[in-house]
Amino acid sequence: MPMAQSATIDSRGDRRGASPRWPGTIRSTQGIVVVSLLLVSLAALIFGLFEEANRRARMREAGERITSLAAILAEQAGRILDVANLAAGQATEVARGRDWDEVARSRAVFDELRQLQAGYEYINAIWLADAEGRARQTSRAFPAPAVSVADREHFKVQRERDAGPFLSELLRSRVAPEVNIVMSRRMTGADGGFAGVALVVLNPSYLLEAYREIRIDYPVSIEVVGFDRSILVRSPAASPEDALYQQRTTDPDLASAGPGYGRSVATDPRNGTVRMEAFHRIEGFPLYVVVGIEARAITQRWLTAMAGHALLACLALGAALLGLGVAHRYGAREERALAEVRSLKATLEDRVRERTGELERLFREENHRVKNSLQLAASLLQLQQAKTAARPVRQLLAEAHSRVLTIARLHEHLLQADNATRIDLKRYLSTICADIGVAIGQQGAVIACAIEPVTVPTELAVPLGLILNELVTNAVKHGLGGARGRIAVSLATRDGVGRLVVEDEGRGLPAGWSISASHGLGMQIVRGLADQIHARLHGGSTAKGARFEVEFPIA
């Protein structure tokens, strides 16, 4: 073997002990310069493409975060407004059957309004006003101050027609140094004519209460906005006075928004600021929650991160060039340098994937907190029920426990679901039936569920669960009256319409009974929730007992 071939060759033809054989261009100084320039250009191109992808990922991540935040805040505000609606309905019942002079003189009416207000820290006051708009009773003071609401829009609208739960714009109180939102409910007399209004005065700052417990990396602004673009609440803001009589000047056009939620990019004509905004309608009310982030804040965060990436990339590129400079003598070093670059790229890609997963973790963490809080509240109600001697009070506590547990079950399913925006209705409603079955197991009633598999939006599942809870509870309490019997629950869908049916084998409904005339709390809740999801509610007696049917649109 010639001397130039002194390195040994094994049976596979691999060279052992010889220095790496590099292409001629790399072995020469001129070739190293050419390859270095190509490497620098390629690294710059890769870095530019990577950072552009990183920028888009940050924009997408910010959009997903504000969309989720808008949905959470809209849901929380909707619950507050639903409670206010129920409180207004209960206030009308307090005055039912009394003339206004009796209402104004009655200390008992005042005490009932005070007790109704005391249960909710976000309700500032409850008022009852007659057909002329004069305040006749209020939870603020006894007797009621001599004020009139005849010039307020929420009174005028109810006087002209039954507008249901009607929300005012942001108003300055006439009896206290505060700014409020007022929900009004029409009151009717024995002849069905207009008799006055029940008013629930809300503290607007509580509509954004959930935001205080949610952490988000970017500085955001949050507004609760009416269809007329009037601003009810704004954060950050020094006080609700800052939003009084103000209106938004940017998109979206909320009154014509199609599905009730979405995102947009808007330019504020007042200062030229470009903002990414997510909006979500508060279900059942002419309000939207709008969450915005300034585009420059996202860009600034991206530039800060890119500077660190650029530093790392420059260091890596320098290492690669150094390895290339001595490649004609130490070929192995170049391979290690390239391995370091690949490792660095993989690390950066992992960081991008981790950031995209933060939104899902945030949403699941919030669901976990809500579920734990609701389950704690249900346990406290159950403990209080066990320590209460009066049977009517125990029954009320048991019903409250069942309602809270129904909502807690929804958040439990959200934690287990792959898609947090939709709920498996069969699994959710079957769990509710099982919970009620456990609660009434000692009474001998049997609940049979036949529920068709279907997934629905989360905002539809909560009202359906509460409606089912109320109907089955009423069937046990009133239909069967504590006796043995069977309660059948079924749900079927056809052509985009769901039909939920609850039947019992009890004594049926009283003669002349109707859904609209029933004043029981459970049936009031069912009617309010049915209106919220645009459902039709039917009820009546059958040959075997009572039957209730709820028809609702799935989409």
Protein backbone atom coordinates (compact mmCIF):
# COMPACT_ATOMS: atom_id res chain seq x y z
CA MET A 1 0.00 0.00 0.00
CA PRO A 2 1.50 3.44 -0.89
CA MET A 3 2.61 5.78 1.89
CA ALA A 4 -0.11 8.37 1.01
CA GLN A 5 -2.65 5.72 1.94
CA SER A 6 -1.24 4.96 5.41
CA ALA A 7 -4.67 5.14 7.07
CA THR A 8 -6.21 1.71 7.47
CA ILE A 9 -9.43 0.73 5.72
CA ASP A 10 -11.77 -1.79 7.35
CA SER A 11 -13.89 -4.38 5.59
CA ARG A 12 -16.71 -1.81 5.02
CA GLY A 13 -14.43 0.69 3.26
CA ASP A 14 -14.45 3.32 6.09
CA ARG A 15 -11.25 5.29 6.66
CA ARG A 16 -9.81 5.00 10.16
CA GLY A 17 -7.27 7.46 11.55
CA ALA A 18 -7.23 9.82 8.55
CA SER A 19 -8.26 13.53 8.75
CA PRO A 20 -11.65 14.33 7.20
CA ARG A 21 -11.59 14.91 3.46
CA TRP A 22 -13.34 18.26 2.80
CA PRO A 23 -14.40 19.68 -0.58
CA GLY A 24 -11.79 21.74 -2.32
CA THR A 25 -13.70 24.99 -1.81
CA ILE A 26 -13.56 24.58 1.99
CA ARG A 27 -9.90 23.60 2.01
CA SER A 28 -8.96 26.97 0.44
CA THR A 29 -9.22 30.35 2.20
CA GLN A 30 -11.30 31.75 -0.66
CA GLY A 31 -13.68 28.80 -0.40
CA ILE A 32 -14.09 29.34 3.35
CA VAL A 33 -15.07 32.99 2.72
CA VAL A 34 -17.63 31.97 0.10
CA VAL A 35 -19.13 29.29 2.33
CA SER A 36 -19.16 31.75 5.27
CA LEU A 37 -21.10 34.32 3.24
CA LEU A 38 -23.57 31.65 2.17
CA LEU A 39 -23.94 30.50 5.77
CA VAL A 40 -24.52 34.07 7.01
CA SER A 41 -27.14 34.68 4.31
CA LEU A 42 -28.88 31.38 5.07
CA ALA A 43 -28.84 32.08 8.82
CA ALA A 44 -30.30 35.56 8.24
CA LEU A 45 -33.05 34.08 6.08
CA ILE A 46 -33.88 31.36 8.61
CA PHE A 47 -33.84 33.86 11.45
CA GLY A 48 -36.14 36.22 9.56
CA LEU A 49 -38.59 33.43 8.70
CA PHE A 50 -38.53 32.10 12.26
CA GLU A 51 -39.12 35.51 13.82
CA GLU A 52 -41.95 36.25 11.38
CA ALA A 53 -43.57 32.98 12.42
CA ASN A 54 -42.93 33.91 16.07
CA ARG A 55 -44.55 37.32 15.51
CA ARG A 56 -47.64 35.75 13.95
CA ALA A 57 -47.81 33.21 16.77
CA ARG A 58 -47.72 36.01 19.34
CA MET A 59 -50.49 37.89 17.55
CA ARG A 60 -52.57 34.71 17.34
CA GLU A 61 -51.88 33.91 20.99
CA ALA A 62 -52.87 37.42 22.10
CA GLY A 63 -56.06 37.18 20.06
CA GLU A 64 -56.97 33.82 21.59
CA ARG A 65 -56.32 35.16 25.08
CA ILE A 66 -58.51 38.24 24.74
CA THR A 67 -61.22 36.13 23.06
CA SER A 68 -61.21 33.73 26.01
CA LEU A 69 -61.16 36.61 28.49
CA ALA A 70 -64.11 38.32 26.77
CA ALA A 71 -66.09 35.05 26.89
CA ILE A 72 -65.32 34.51 30.61
CA LEU A 73 -66.26 38.08 31.54
CA ALA A 74 -69.44 37.98 29.40
CA GLU A 75 -70.51 34.76 31.12
CA GLN A 76 -69.84 36.19 34.59
CA ALA A 77 -71.64 39.45 33.79
CA GLY A 78 -74.55 37.47 32.33
CA ARG A 79 -74.93 35.56 35.59
CA ILE A 80 -75.04 38.82 37.56
CA LEU A 81 -77.70 40.23 35.23
CA ASP A 82 -79.70 36.97 35.39
CA VAL A 83 -79.72 37.21 39.19
CA ALA A 84 -80.76 40.87 38.97
CA ASN A 85 -83.62 39.84 36.68
CA LEU A 86 -84.76 37.21 39.18
CA ALA A 87 -84.50 39.77 42.01
CA ALA A 88 -86.65 42.22 40.02
CA GLY A 89 -89.22 39.49 39.47
CA GLN A 90 -89.30 38.69 43.18
CA ALA A 91 -89.69 42.39 43.98
CA THR A 92 -92.82 42.54 41.80
CA GLU A 93 -94.22 39.60 43.77
CA VAL A 94 -93.66 41.47 47.05
CA ALA A 95 -96.04 44.24 45.92
CA ARG A 96 -98.57 41.97 44.20
CA GLY A 97 -102.06 42.22 45.67
CA ARG A 98 -101.38 45.50 47.52
CA ASP A 99 -102.32 49.03 46.50
CA TRP A 100 -99.53 51.59 46.34
CA ASP A 101 -100.52 53.42 49.53
CA GLU A 102 -100.32 50.14 51.42
CA VAL A 103 -96.92 49.40 49.82
CA ALA A 104 -95.59 52.82 50.82
CA ARG A 105 -96.73 52.41 54.46
CA SER A 106 -95.68 48.78 54.86
CA ARG A 107 -92.60 48.16 56.97
CA ALA A 108 -92.90 44.48 56.03
CA VAL A 109 -92.44 45.33 52.32
CA PHE A 110 -89.37 47.39 53.21
CA ASP A 111 -87.94 44.49 55.23
CA GLU A 112 -88.51 42.06 52.35
CA LEU A 113 -86.73 44.35 49.88
CA ARG A 114 -83.85 44.80 52.32
CA GLN A 115 -83.53 41.05 52.77
CA LEU A 116 -83.67 40.52 49.00
CA GLN A 117 -80.89 43.09 48.44
CA ALA A 118 -78.70 41.80 51.28
CA GLY A 119 -78.02 38.53 49.50
CA TYR A 120 -76.08 40.18 46.65
CA GLU A 121 -73.23 42.62 47.14
CA TYR A 122 -73.48 43.90 43.57
CA ILE A 123 -77.09 45.09 44.07
CA ASN A 124 -77.02 48.63 45.50
CA ALA A 125 -80.78 49.03 45.96
CA ILE A 126 -84.23 47.77 44.95
CA TRP A 127 -87.06 50.23 44.21
CA LEU A 128 -90.80 50.00 43.56
CA ALA A 129 -92.36 52.89 41.60
CA ASP A 130 -96.04 53.43 40.73
CA ALA A 131 -97.55 54.11 37.31
CA GLU A 132 -96.69 57.84 37.59
CA GLY A 133 -93.04 57.08 38.29
CA ARG A 134 -93.11 58.03 41.97
CA ALA A 135 -90.91 55.97 44.27
CA ARG A 136 -93.21 54.22 46.76
CA GLN A 137 -90.82 51.78 48.45
CA THR A 138 -87.08 51.08 48.42
CA SER A 139 -84.49 49.01 50.25
CA ARG A 140 -82.38 52.17 50.82
CA ALA A 141 -84.55 53.84 53.48
CA PHE A 142 -87.99 53.79 55.08
CA PRO A 143 -90.06 55.64 54.11
CA ALA A 144 -88.90 55.95 50.50
CA PRO A 145 -87.35 59.30 49.42
CA ALA A 146 -89.62 61.57 47.40
CA VAL A 147 -88.06 61.03 43.97
CA SER A 148 -89.51 60.28 40.54
CA VAL A 149 -88.23 58.13 37.69
CA ALA A 150 -90.90 59.24 35.23
CA ASP A 151 -88.28 60.88 33.00
CA ARG A 152 -85.96 57.86 32.96
CA GLU A 153 -85.86 55.76 29.80
CA HIS A 154 -86.11 52.47 31.71
CA PHE A 155 -89.48 53.70 33.09
CA LYS A 156 -90.82 55.12 29.81
CA VAL A 157 -90.07 51.93 27.89
CA GLN A 158 -91.89 49.72 30.40
CA ARG A 159 -94.87 52.10 30.48
CA GLU A 160 -95.27 51.81 26.70
CA ARG A 161 -94.83 48.02 26.51
CA ASP A 162 -93.63 44.99 28.46
CA ALA A 163 -89.93 45.11 27.55
CA GLY A 164 -88.93 42.26 29.87
CA PRO A 165 -85.73 42.90 31.81
CA PHE A 166 -84.64 46.32 30.47
CA LEU A 167 -81.18 47.75 31.19
CA SER A 168 -80.53 51.47 31.42
CA GLU A 169 -77.43 53.28 30.32
CA LEU A 170 -74.93 54.38 32.96
CA LEU A 171 -76.80 56.82 35.27
CA ARG A 172 -75.91 59.14 38.13
CA SER A 173 -78.02 58.34 41.20
CA ARG A 174 -80.47 60.95 42.44
CA VAL A 175 -80.30 59.84 46.08
CA ALA A 176 -76.65 58.76 46.56
CA PRO A 177 -73.22 59.91 45.29
CA GLU A 178 -72.75 57.00 42.88
CA VAL A 179 -73.10 55.93 39.28
CA ASN A 180 -75.28 52.89 38.59
CA ILE A 181 -76.96 50.67 36.03
CA VAL A 182 -80.69 50.10 36.52
CA MET A 183 -82.65 47.01 35.45
CA SER A 184 -86.43 47.52 35.25
CA ARG A 185 -89.33 45.03 35.17
CA ARG A 186 -92.91 45.97 34.30
CA MET A 187 -95.61 45.54 36.95
CA THR A 188 -99.21 44.92 35.95
CA GLY A 189 -102.45 45.44 37.80
CA ALA A 190 -105.43 43.13 38.17
CA ASP A 191 -106.74 44.34 34.79
CA GLY A 192 -103.44 43.54 33.09
CA GLY A 193 -102.61 47.21 32.57
CA PHE A 194 -99.44 49.06 33.51
CA ALA A 195 -99.19 49.51 37.29
CA GLY A 196 -95.55 50.54 37.81
CA VAL A 197 -92.02 49.18 37.72
CA ALA A 198 -89.63 47.21 39.90
CA LEU A 199 -86.07 48.56 39.68
CA VAL A 200 -82.83 46.79 40.63
CA VAL A 201 -79.87 49.19 40.96
CA LEU A 202 -76.55 47.49 40.08
CA ASN A 203 -72.96 48.45 40.87
CA PRO A 204 -71.36 48.44 37.37
CA SER A 205 -67.86 47.64 38.63
CA TYR A 206 -68.96 44.09 39.53
CA LEU A 207 -69.56 43.28 35.85
CA LEU A 208 -65.77 42.99 35.52
CA GLU A 209 -65.17 41.34 38.91
CA ALA A 210 -63.79 38.13 37.36
CA TYR A 211 -60.94 40.06 35.68
CA ARG A 212 -59.30 40.68 39.05
CA GLU A 213 -58.59 36.95 39.41
CA ILE A 214 -57.31 36.37 35.85
CA ARG A 215 -53.67 36.92 34.98
CA ILE A 216 -52.71 37.90 31.44
CA ASP A 217 -49.26 38.91 30.22
CA TYR A 218 -50.36 41.90 28.15
CA PRO A 219 -51.87 45.20 29.37
CA VAL A 220 -55.50 45.07 28.25
CA SER A 221 -58.48 47.38 28.33
CA ILE A 222 -61.97 46.07 29.04
CA GLU A 223 -65.32 47.72 28.35
CA VAL A 224 -68.94 46.73 28.80
CA VAL A 225 -70.72 48.43 25.90
CA GLY A 226 -74.38 48.77 24.92
CA PHE A 227 -75.68 48.31 21.38
CA ASP A 228 -75.82 52.12 21.16
CA ARG A 229 -72.04 52.13 21.91
CA SER A 230 -72.57 53.75 25.33
CA ILE A 231 -69.89 52.61 27.78
CA LEU A 232 -71.21 51.17 31.05
CA VAL A 233 -67.91 50.03 32.56
CA ARG A 234 -64.29 50.57 31.55
CA SER A 235 -61.09 49.15 32.97
CA PRO A 236 -58.61 50.60 33.62
CA ALA A 237 -60.50 53.74 34.73
CA ALA A 238 -60.32 55.98 37.77
CA SER A 239 -64.05 55.58 38.51
CA PRO A 240 -67.39 54.82 36.78
CA GLU A 241 -67.78 58.60 36.40
CA ASP A 242 -65.11 58.44 33.66
CA ALA A 243 -67.43 56.32 31.50
CA LEU A 244 -70.61 58.36 32.11
CA TYR A 245 -72.15 59.46 28.80
CA GLN A 246 -69.07 58.30 26.86
CA GLN A 247 -69.31 56.27 23.69
CA ARG A 248 -66.91 54.09 21.74
CA THR A 249 -65.44 55.60 18.59
CA THR A 250 -64.03 52.43 17.03
CA ASP A 251 -65.30 49.20 15.50
CA PRO A 252 -66.83 46.65 15.78
CA ASP A 253 -70.39 47.65 14.92
CA LEU A 254 -71.86 45.74 17.87
CA ALA A 255 -75.53 46.13 16.97
CA SER A 256 -75.00 44.22 13.70
CA ALA A 257 -72.48 41.65 14.94
CA GLY A 258 -73.62 38.28 13.60
CA PRO A 259 -72.81 35.42 15.98
CA GLY A 260 -72.39 37.63 19.04
CA TYR A 261 -68.64 37.21 19.33
CA GLY A 262 -65.50 37.76 17.26
CA ARG A 263 -62.31 39.74 16.82
CA SER A 264 -61.36 42.83 14.85
CA VAL A 265 -58.51 45.29 14.37
CA ALA A 266 -59.51 48.93 14.87
CA THR A 267 -57.77 52.30 14.70
CA ASP A 268 -58.81 54.83 17.32
CA PRO A 269 -59.35 58.14 15.45
CA ARG A 270 -58.63 60.06 18.65
CA ASN A 271 -54.97 59.07 18.83
CA GLY A 272 -54.31 56.75 15.88
CA THR A 273 -53.71 53.75 18.14
CA VAL A 274 -54.15 50.38 16.41
CA ARG A 275 -55.82 47.83 18.65
CA MET A 276 -56.74 44.18 18.45
CA GLU A 277 -60.16 43.71 20.02
CA ALA A 278 -62.29 40.71 20.95
CA PHE A 279 -65.99 41.16 21.69
CA HIS A 280 -68.53 38.76 23.18
CA ARG A 281 -72.23 39.38 23.72
CA ILE A 282 -73.72 39.00 27.20
CA GLU A 283 -76.36 36.39 26.49
CA GLY A 284 -79.93 37.66 26.84
CA PHE A 285 -79.00 41.35 27.14
CA PRO A 286 -78.10 44.15 24.65
CA LEU A 287 -74.53 44.36 25.94
CA TYR A 288 -71.09 43.31 24.81
CA VAL A 289 -67.81 42.82 26.64
CA VAL A 290 -64.96 44.25 24.55
CA VAL A 291 -61.36 43.35 25.43
CA GLY A 292 -58.56 45.16 23.60
CA ILE A 293 -54.78 45.08 23.32
CA GLU A 294 -52.70 47.74 21.63
CA ALA A 295 -50.86 46.22 18.67
CA ARG A 296 -47.69 48.05 19.64
CA ALA A 297 -47.69 46.29 23.03
CA ILE A 298 -47.63 42.91 21.28
CA THR A 299 -44.99 44.14 18.83
CA GLN A 300 -42.86 45.52 21.66
CA ARG A 301 -43.01 42.18 23.49
CA TRP A 302 -42.05 40.39 20.29
CA LEU A 303 -39.12 42.80 19.61
CA THR A 304 -37.82 42.30 23.13
CA ALA A 305 -37.90 38.55 22.68
CA MET A 306 -36.38 38.83 19.21
CA ALA A 307 -33.43 40.81 20.60
CA GLY A 308 -32.63 37.90 22.91
CA HIS A 309 -33.10 35.44 20.06
CA ALA A 310 -30.83 37.57 17.84
CA LEU A 311 -28.13 37.55 20.49
CA LEU A 312 -28.35 33.78 20.78
CA ALA A 313 -28.40 33.45 17.00
CA CYS A 314 -25.33 35.67 16.63
CA LEU A 315 -23.46 33.63 19.20
CA ALA A 316 -24.46 30.44 17.43
CA LEU A 317 -23.52 31.85 14.05
CA GLY A 318 -20.16 33.00 15.39
CA ALA A 319 -19.53 29.54 16.73
CA ALA A 320 -20.47 28.08 13.35
CA LEU A 321 -18.15 30.46 11.50
CA LEU A 322 -15.32 29.73 13.89
CA GLY A 323 -15.85 26.05 13.33
CA LEU A 324 -15.87 26.65 9.58
CA GLY A 325 -12.60 28.59 9.79
CA VAL A 326 -10.78 25.60 11.22
CA ALA A 327 -12.83 23.03 9.33
CA HIS A 328 -9.89 22.12 7.10
CA ARG A 329 -8.05 20.98 10.25
CA TYR A 330 -10.79 20.04 12.71
CA GLY A 331 -13.78 18.75 10.80
CA ALA A 332 -15.43 17.33 13.88
CA ARG A 333 -15.80 20.80 15.39
CA GLU A 334 -18.01 21.91 12.52
CA GLU A 335 -20.35 18.99 13.11
CA ARG A 336 -20.64 19.86 16.81
CA ALA A 337 -21.34 23.51 15.98
CA LEU A 338 -24.11 22.49 13.59
CA ALA A 339 -25.54 20.21 16.28
CA GLU A 340 -25.60 23.16 18.68
CA VAL A 341 -27.49 25.25 16.10
CA ARG A 342 -30.05 22.47 15.63
CA SER A 343 -30.44 22.16 19.39
CA LEU A 344 -30.93 25.92 19.73
CA LYS A 345 -33.57 25.90 16.99
CA ALA A 346 -35.41 23.01 18.67
CA THR A 347 -35.34 24.90 22.00
CA LEU A 348 -36.80 28.01 20.39
CA GLU A 349 -39.54 25.97 18.70
CA ASP A 350 -40.38 24.37 22.06
CA ARG A 351 -40.77 27.82 23.57
CA VAL A 352 -43.20 28.78 20.82
CA ARG A 353 -45.26 25.64 21.46
CA GLU A 354 -45.26 26.32 25.21
CA ARG A 355 -46.61 29.85 24.66
CA THR A 356 -49.43 28.60 22.46
CA GLY A 357 -50.44 26.19 25.26
CA GLU A 358 -50.64 28.91 27.94
CA LEU A 359 -54.15 29.96 26.84
CA GLU A 360 -55.58 26.47 27.32
CA ARG A 361 -53.91 26.11 30.71
CA LEU A 362 -55.31 29.50 31.75
CA PHE A 363 -58.85 28.49 30.76
CA ARG A 364 -58.62 25.12 32.53
CA GLU A 365 -57.23 26.78 35.66
CA GLU A 366 -60.18 29.19 35.77
CA ASN A 367 -62.66 26.31 35.29
CA HIS A 368 -60.92 24.42 38.11
CA ARG A 369 -61.26 27.42 40.44
CA VAL A 370 -64.91 27.95 39.57
CA LYS A 371 -65.69 24.23 40.01
CA ASN A 372 -63.99 24.10 43.42
CA SER A 373 -65.75 27.27 44.59
CA LEU A 374 -69.17 25.98 43.50
CA GLN A 375 -68.59 22.58 45.09
CA LEU A 376 -67.56 24.32 48.32
CA ALA A 377 -70.74 26.41 48.22
CA ALA A 378 -72.81 23.25 47.60
CA SER A 379 -71.16 21.51 50.55
CA LEU A 380 -71.84 24.47 52.83
CA LEU A 381 -75.51 24.47 51.77
CA GLN A 382 -75.69 20.73 52.48
CA LEU A 383 -74.13 21.20 55.92
CA GLN A 384 -76.55 24.01 56.71
CA GLN A 385 -79.44 21.81 55.56
CA ALA A 386 -78.36 19.05 57.96
CA LYS A 387 -78.26 21.49 60.88
CA THR A 388 -81.65 23.12 60.13
CA ALA A 389 -84.68 21.84 62.00
CA ALA A 390 -87.43 23.58 60.03
CA ARG A 391 -88.56 21.35 57.16
CA PRO A 392 -89.44 24.21 54.72
CA VAL A 393 -86.00 25.75 55.23
CA ARG A 394 -84.33 22.36 54.70
CA GLN A 395 -86.26 21.97 51.47
CA LEU A 396 -85.15 25.41 50.24
CA LEU A 397 -81.53 24.66 51.14
CA ALA A 398 -81.75 21.31 49.34
CA GLU A 399 -83.04 23.04 46.19
CA ALA A 400 -80.28 25.67 46.37
CA HIS A 401 -77.71 22.89 46.85
CA SER A 402 -79.03 21.09 43.77
CA ARG A 403 -78.85 24.27 41.62
CA VAL A 404 -75.30 25.11 42.64
CA LEU A 405 -74.22 21.48 42.08
CA THR A 406 -75.76 21.56 38.59
CA ILE A 407 -73.54 24.49 37.57
CA ALA A 408 -70.51 22.90 39.26
CA ARG A 409 -71.04 19.75 37.18
CA LEU A 410 -70.76 21.83 34.00
CA HIS A 411 -67.34 23.17 34.98
CA GLU A 412 -66.29 19.63 35.90
CA HIS A 413 -67.18 18.50 32.38
CA LEU A 414 -65.32 21.48 30.90
CA LEU A 415 -62.17 20.38 32.73
CA GLN A 416 -62.45 16.91 31.17
CA ALA A 417 -63.47 18.02 27.66
CA ASP A 418 -61.07 18.39 24.74
CA ASN A 419 -63.11 21.33 23.41
CA ALA A 420 -63.90 23.82 26.18
CA THR A 421 -66.52 25.65 24.08
CA ARG A 422 -68.92 22.69 23.70
CA ILE A 423 -70.48 20.20 26.13
CA ASP A 424 -71.59 16.57 25.69
CA LEU A 425 -75.22 17.12 26.68
CA LYS A 426 -75.96 13.42 27.23
CA ARG A 427 -73.17 13.07 29.75
CA TYR A 428 -73.96 16.37 31.49
CA LEU A 429 -77.72 15.86 31.84
CA SER A 430 -77.28 12.19 32.83
CA THR A 431 -74.98 13.33 35.64
CA ILE A 432 -77.63 15.79 36.85
CA CYS A 433 -80.27 13.01 36.86
CA ALA A 434 -77.87 10.77 38.78
CA ASP A 435 -77.21 13.51 41.38
CA ILE A 436 -80.94 14.04 41.91
CA GLY A 437 -81.46 10.26 42.07
CA VAL A 438 -78.89 10.01 44.86
CA ALA A 439 -80.54 12.91 46.72
CA ILE A 440 -84.03 11.33 46.57
CA GLY A 441 -82.92 7.72 46.90
CA GLN A 442 -84.68 7.37 50.23
CA GLN A 443 -88.03 8.55 48.86
CA GLY A 444 -88.57 5.65 46.44
CA ALA A 445 -88.73 7.72 43.22
CA VAL A 446 -86.95 6.32 40.14
CA ILE A 447 -85.51 8.58 37.42
CA ALA A 448 -85.15 7.03 33.93
CA CYS A 449 -83.02 8.99 31.42
CA ALA A 450 -83.09 8.51 27.62
CA ILE A 451 -80.89 11.28 26.25
CA GLU A 452 -79.68 11.40 22.64
CA PRO A 453 -75.92 12.07 22.21
CA VAL A 454 -75.44 15.69 21.13
CA THR A 455 -72.90 18.43 21.81
CA VAL A 456 -74.06 22.02 22.35
CA PRO A 457 -72.35 25.35 23.13
CA THR A 458 -71.42 25.84 26.77
CA GLU A 459 -73.73 28.84 27.14
CA LEU A 460 -76.69 26.62 26.16
CA ALA A 461 -75.77 23.74 28.49
CA VAL A 462 -76.02 25.75 31.74
CA PRO A 463 -79.67 26.90 31.28
CA LEU A 464 -80.70 23.40 30.10
CA GLY A 465 -79.09 21.80 33.15
CA LEU A 466 -80.83 24.20 35.52
CA ILE A 467 -84.18 23.73 33.73
CA LEU A 468 -83.86 19.93 34.01
CA ASN A 469 -82.92 20.24 37.69
CA GLU A 470 -85.99 22.39 38.43
CA LEU A 471 -88.43 20.19 36.46
CA VAL A 472 -87.23 16.92 38.00
CA THR A 473 -87.16 18.46 41.49
CA ASN A 474 -90.74 19.73 41.01
CA ALA A 475 -91.80 16.28 39.77
CA VAL A 476 -90.40 14.68 42.94
CA LYS A 477 -91.75 17.31 45.32
CA HIS A 478 -95.15 18.15 43.79
CA GLY A 479 -95.89 15.44 41.20
CA LEU A 480 -95.05 12.38 43.30
CA GLY A 481 -95.40 14.19 46.63
CA GLY A 482 -92.76 11.99 48.26
CA ALA A 483 -94.48 8.76 47.13
CA ARG A 484 -92.97 6.00 45.03
CA GLY A 485 -93.12 6.49 41.28
CA ARG A 486 -91.23 6.87 38.03
CA ILE A 487 -89.93 10.05 36.42
CA ALA A 488 -88.97 9.79 32.73
CA VAL A 489 -86.44 12.22 31.22
CA SER A 490 -85.81 12.24 27.46
CA LEU A 491 -84.00 14.46 24.98
CA ALA A 492 -84.08 14.18 21.19
CA THR A 493 -82.96 16.46 18.36
CA ARG A 494 -84.28 16.99 14.88
CA ASP A 495 -83.55 19.63 12.22
CA GLY A 496 -81.51 21.76 14.62
CA VAL A 497 -84.17 21.75 17.37
CA GLY A 498 -83.83 19.93 20.70
CA ARG A 499 -86.78 18.64 22.70
CA LEU A 500 -86.34 17.97 26.44
CA VAL A 501 -89.27 16.12 28.07
CA VAL A 502 -89.88 15.39 31.80
CA GLU A 503 -92.85 13.18 32.72
CA ASP A 504 -93.95 11.76 36.06
CA GLU A 505 -96.49 9.20 37.25
CA GLY A 506 -97.90 11.47 39.94
CA ARG A 507 -101.19 13.17 40.62
CA GLY A 508 -100.97 15.61 37.70
CA LEU A 509 -101.37 19.38 37.71
CA PRO A 510 -104.22 21.26 39.44
CA ALA A 511 -107.23 22.27 37.37
CA GLY A 512 -106.69 25.61 35.66
CA TRP A 513 -102.91 25.53 36.21
CA SER A 514 -100.75 27.26 33.58
CA ILE A 515 -97.06 27.89 33.20
CA SER A 516 -97.39 31.67 32.76
CA ALA A 517 -99.59 32.05 35.86
CA SER A 518 -97.41 29.96 38.20
CA HIS A 519 -95.66 32.09 40.84
CA GLY A 520 -93.44 29.43 42.36
CA LEU A 521 -89.71 30.21 42.40
CA GLY A 522 -88.82 27.02 40.54
CA MET A 523 -91.22 27.75 37.68
CA GLN A 524 -90.06 31.41 37.59
CA ILE A 525 -86.49 30.14 37.14
CA VAL A 526 -87.62 27.75 34.38
CA ARG A 527 -89.46 30.54 32.54
CA GLY A 528 -86.53 32.95 32.83
CA LEU A 529 -84.00 30.36 31.60
CA ALA A 530 -86.31 29.29 28.74
CA ASP A 531 -86.53 32.93 27.58
CA GLN A 532 -82.75 33.17 27.80
CA ILE A 533 -82.22 30.30 25.30
CA HIS A 534 -85.24 31.26 23.14
CA ALA A 535 -87.07 28.05 24.06
CA ARG A 536 -90.75 27.15 23.97
CA LEU A 537 -92.12 25.75 27.23
CA HIS A 538 -95.19 23.46 27.37
CA GLY A 539 -96.74 21.80 30.40
CA GLY A 540 -99.90 19.92 31.29
CA SER A 541 -101.43 16.82 32.79
CA THR A 542 -101.54 13.40 31.11
CA ALA A 543 -103.35 10.17 31.88
CA LYS A 544 -100.40 9.11 34.04
CA GLY A 545 -99.37 12.38 35.68
CA ALA A 546 -97.72 15.63 34.55
CA ARG A 547 -95.62 16.33 31.44
CA PHE A 548 -93.32 19.25 30.64
CA GLU A 549 -91.65 19.84 27.27
CA VAL A 550 -88.91 22.34 26.37
CA GLU A 551 -88.19 23.02 22.68
CA PHE A 552 -84.97 24.95 22.01
CA PRO A 553 -82.73 25.80 19.04
CA ILE A 554 -79.39 24.00 19.21
CA ALA A 555 -77.42 26.42 17.02
